Amino acid sequence: MSIKWGLDHLIIGDFFHLKFYDQLKLIAPTVILNYQADWREFHMRIAELVGRERDAENTFRLLENKTVKAKRRLRERSREADVIILYLEQHNLRIQGAVNHPLSQLAYTELGLWPGNFVPLNAHREDLRADQMPEFPATNYLFIHLWGEKQNLPQLHQSGTPLSDALYIPDWLSMSWTPSGRASIIHELLDKTNCL
């Protein structure tokens, strides 16, 4: 259902912006979207607000075709390569899980990558303090996003895959919520795994 606002401006926020609602509505009509675990529902709700449902459906089709082709390419080149996605900051480590997040869905379900050791199979992440970091065994692809300066980050205890072989990535967590972000992740995965 398309909503016709009849205005030049509309502010669309999510649950993170709820505390600013009163200030935002003084600027322009404001809609705060409820949390949706499914990124497609979130995207479609925005499309409905601005009357662009057909564009959203077309974007979904194009992205699905890109994903299917990428999965085929990754399977041809990388076979059953395992993947670990880490987020590092000064005192913490986050291991991206295999379920319940758009990034997990893209990497492990839609693209068919294999979760490496220590990837939580039944959760979307596991957060650890620096002093709890496990010794990571060898893995085919270790993707790391740095929250902070590299020199201030803790040392990973790495017995198998040297950190020099780690592939550094932008914030895939945030990017995985949008079609353009997902397309960028797919391109970067293909590039970093030599599958382009």
Protein backbone atom coordinates (compact mmCIF):
# COMPACT_ATOMS: atom_id res chain seq x y z
CA MET A 1 0.00 0.00 0.00
CA SER A 2 1.49 3.28 -1.08
CA ILE A 3 1.17 6.32 1.17
CA LYS A 4 0.87 9.69 -0.54
CA TRP A 5 2.32 12.38 1.68
CA GLY A 6 1.85 15.28 -0.71
CA LEU A 7 4.94 16.93 0.75
CA ASP A 8 8.45 17.60 -0.45
CA HIS A 9 10.13 16.21 2.67
CA LEU A 10 9.69 13.15 4.82
CA ILE A 11 12.05 11.95 7.54
CA ILE A 12 12.28 8.17 7.85
CA GLY A 13 14.06 6.78 10.88
CA ASP A 14 14.35 3.43 12.58
CA PHE A 15 14.24 2.30 16.20
CA PHE A 16 17.63 3.96 16.86
CA HIS A 17 16.05 7.36 16.10
CA LEU A 18 12.96 7.01 18.29
CA LYS A 19 14.46 9.19 21.02
CA PHE A 20 14.77 12.05 18.48
CA TYR A 21 11.20 11.77 17.19
CA ASP A 22 9.89 14.93 18.86
CA GLN A 23 12.73 17.04 17.46
CA LEU A 24 12.56 15.45 13.99
CA LYS A 25 8.81 16.01 13.55
CA LEU A 26 9.40 19.75 14.01
CA ILE A 27 11.52 19.66 10.83
CA ALA A 28 9.24 17.52 8.60
CA PRO A 29 6.68 14.71 8.84
CA THR A 30 8.53 11.82 10.49
CA VAL A 31 7.99 8.08 10.39
CA ILE A 32 9.88 5.76 12.73
CA LEU A 33 9.99 2.20 11.41
CA ASN A 34 9.76 -0.75 13.78
CA TYR A 35 12.59 -3.25 13.89
CA GLN A 36 12.35 -5.90 11.17
CA ALA A 37 14.75 -8.82 11.23
CA ASP A 38 14.15 -9.30 7.50
CA TRP A 39 15.99 -6.57 5.59
CA ARG A 40 13.57 -7.00 2.64
CA GLU A 41 10.56 -6.08 4.77
CA PHE A 42 12.43 -3.04 6.04
CA HIS A 43 13.35 -1.96 2.50
CA MET A 44 9.82 -2.57 1.20
CA ARG A 45 8.30 -0.50 4.01
CA ILE A 46 10.48 2.44 2.97
CA ALA A 47 9.48 1.90 -0.67
CA GLU A 48 5.80 1.97 0.35
CA LEU A 49 6.28 5.23 2.21
CA VAL A 50 7.60 6.92 -0.92
CA GLY A 51 5.49 5.08 -3.52
CA ARG A 52 8.36 3.05 -5.03
CA GLU A 53 7.19 -0.55 -4.49
CA ARG A 54 7.80 -1.58 -8.11
CA ASP A 55 11.34 -0.26 -7.97
CA ALA A 56 11.95 -2.23 -4.77
CA GLU A 57 10.60 -5.45 -6.30
CA ASN A 58 12.81 -4.95 -9.36
CA THR A 59 15.82 -4.32 -7.09
CA PHE A 60 15.08 -7.56 -5.21
CA ARG A 61 14.98 -9.52 -8.49
CA LEU A 62 18.27 -8.03 -9.73
CA LEU A 63 19.98 -8.70 -6.41
CA GLU A 64 18.69 -12.28 -6.30
CA ASN A 65 20.12 -12.92 -9.80
CA LYS A 66 23.46 -11.43 -8.73
CA THR A 67 23.45 -13.60 -5.58
CA VAL A 68 22.68 -16.81 -7.47
CA LYS A 69 25.47 -16.13 -9.98
CA ALA A 70 27.91 -15.30 -7.18
CA LYS A 71 27.03 -18.48 -5.30
CA ARG A 72 27.70 -20.54 -8.42
CA ARG A 73 31.03 -18.76 -8.97
CA LEU A 74 32.08 -19.22 -5.33
CA ARG A 75 31.22 -22.93 -5.50
CA GLU A 76 33.18 -23.39 -8.72
CA ARG A 77 36.29 -21.63 -7.41
CA SER A 78 36.28 -22.08 -3.67
CA ARG A 79 34.44 -25.38 -3.28
CA GLU A 80 33.78 -25.81 0.43
CA ALA A 81 35.98 -23.02 1.74
CA ASP A 82 35.18 -21.98 5.29
CA VAL A 83 34.71 -18.40 6.37
CA ILE A 84 34.97 -16.49 9.65
CA ILE A 85 33.83 -12.87 9.88
CA LEU A 86 35.26 -10.96 12.86
CA TYR A 87 34.67 -7.50 14.22
CA LEU A 88 37.51 -6.22 16.39
CA GLU A 89 37.76 -3.27 18.71
CA GLN A 90 40.18 -2.44 21.49
CA HIS A 91 38.72 -4.67 24.21
CA ASN A 92 36.22 -6.80 22.32
CA LEU A 93 35.85 -9.32 19.56
CA ARG A 94 32.62 -10.20 17.78
CA ILE A 95 32.33 -13.40 15.78
CA GLN A 96 29.53 -13.15 13.23
CA GLY A 97 27.14 -16.07 13.65
CA ALA A 98 25.47 -18.18 10.99
CA VAL A 99 21.81 -17.17 11.56
CA ASN A 100 19.36 -14.39 12.42
CA HIS A 101 21.10 -11.44 10.79
CA PRO A 102 21.09 -10.13 7.19
CA LEU A 103 24.88 -10.60 6.97
CA SER A 104 24.65 -14.18 8.22
CA GLN A 105 21.82 -14.89 5.80
CA LEU A 106 23.80 -13.50 2.87
CA ALA A 107 27.12 -15.20 3.63
CA TYR A 108 26.05 -18.58 4.93
CA THR A 109 22.61 -19.18 3.41
CA GLU A 110 22.30 -17.26 0.15
CA LEU A 111 25.95 -17.54 -0.93
CA GLY A 112 26.42 -20.98 0.63
CA LEU A 113 29.71 -20.25 2.39
CA TRP A 114 30.75 -22.64 5.16
CA PRO A 115 30.93 -21.28 8.71
CA GLY A 116 34.47 -21.74 10.03
CA ASN A 117 35.36 -23.02 13.48
CA PHE A 118 34.05 -20.87 16.34
CA VAL A 119 31.25 -19.41 14.20
CA PRO A 120 28.12 -19.74 16.36
CA LEU A 121 25.72 -21.86 14.32
CA ASN A 122 22.55 -20.99 16.27
CA ALA A 123 23.10 -17.29 16.99
CA HIS A 124 23.80 -14.17 14.98
CA ARG A 125 26.96 -13.34 16.93
CA GLU A 126 29.20 -14.10 19.85
CA ASP A 127 30.81 -11.24 21.73
CA LEU A 128 34.02 -11.88 23.66
CA ARG A 129 36.40 -9.75 25.68
CA ALA A 130 39.96 -9.56 24.46
CA ASP A 131 41.13 -11.91 27.23
CA GLN A 132 38.57 -14.54 26.12
CA MET A 133 39.76 -14.75 22.54
CA PRO A 134 40.07 -18.33 21.38
CA GLU A 135 42.94 -19.65 19.33
CA PHE A 136 41.58 -19.67 15.83
CA PRO A 137 42.50 -22.71 13.77
CA ALA A 138 43.37 -22.49 10.12
CA THR A 139 40.51 -21.18 8.04
CA ASN A 140 40.27 -20.50 4.33
CA TYR A 141 39.00 -16.95 4.66
CA LEU A 142 39.26 -14.76 7.73
CA PHE A 143 37.46 -11.45 7.18
CA ILE A 144 38.11 -8.72 9.75
CA HIS A 145 36.46 -5.37 10.27
CA LEU A 146 38.34 -3.02 12.58
CA TRP A 147 36.43 -0.78 14.95
CA GLY A 148 39.28 1.53 15.85
CA GLU A 149 42.95 1.97 15.01
CA LYS A 150 44.87 -1.18 14.11
CA GLN A 151 47.74 -0.50 16.51
CA ASN A 152 45.33 -0.23 19.49
CA LEU A 153 43.66 -3.56 18.86
CA PRO A 154 44.38 -6.75 20.79
CA GLN A 155 46.53 -9.46 19.28
CA LEU A 156 44.61 -12.42 17.92
CA HIS A 157 45.95 -15.77 19.06
CA GLN A 158 46.12 -17.39 15.69
CA SER A 159 47.64 -20.81 15.28
CA GLY A 160 46.49 -21.59 11.75
CA THR A 161 45.69 -18.58 9.61
CA PRO A 162 48.29 -15.82 9.97
CA LEU A 163 46.77 -12.38 10.45
CA SER A 164 48.82 -11.24 7.50
CA ASP A 165 46.48 -13.42 5.42
CA ALA A 166 43.34 -11.86 6.94
CA LEU A 167 41.16 -9.91 4.57
CA TYR A 168 40.13 -6.53 5.95
CA ILE A 169 36.61 -5.39 5.15
CA PRO A 170 34.36 -2.35 5.63
CA ASP A 171 31.32 -2.57 7.93
CA TRP A 172 29.47 -5.47 6.30
CA LEU A 173 27.09 -5.61 9.29
CA SER A 174 25.56 -2.25 8.39
CA MET A 175 25.88 -2.77 4.64
CA SER A 176 23.91 -6.04 4.77
CA TRP A 177 20.65 -4.14 5.50
CA THR A 178 20.40 -2.53 2.05
CA PRO A 179 20.32 -3.88 -1.52
CA SER A 180 23.27 -1.70 -2.59
CA GLY A 181 25.24 -2.74 0.49
CA ARG A 182 24.54 -6.42 -0.17
CA ALA A 183 25.62 -6.01 -3.80
CA SER A 184 28.87 -4.41 -2.60
CA ILE A 185 29.49 -7.26 -0.14
CA ILE A 186 28.96 -9.82 -2.91
CA HIS A 187 31.39 -8.00 -5.22
CA GLU A 188 33.99 -7.71 -2.47
CA LEU A 189 33.63 -11.39 -1.50
CA LEU A 190 34.16 -12.43 -5.11
CA ASP A 191 37.13 -10.10 -5.42
CA LYS A 192 38.84 -11.12 -2.17
CA THR A 193 38.35 -14.84 -2.87
CA ASN A 194 39.67 -14.43 -6.42
CA CYS A 195 36.34 -15.45 -7.94
CA LEU A 196 35.72 -12.41 -10.15
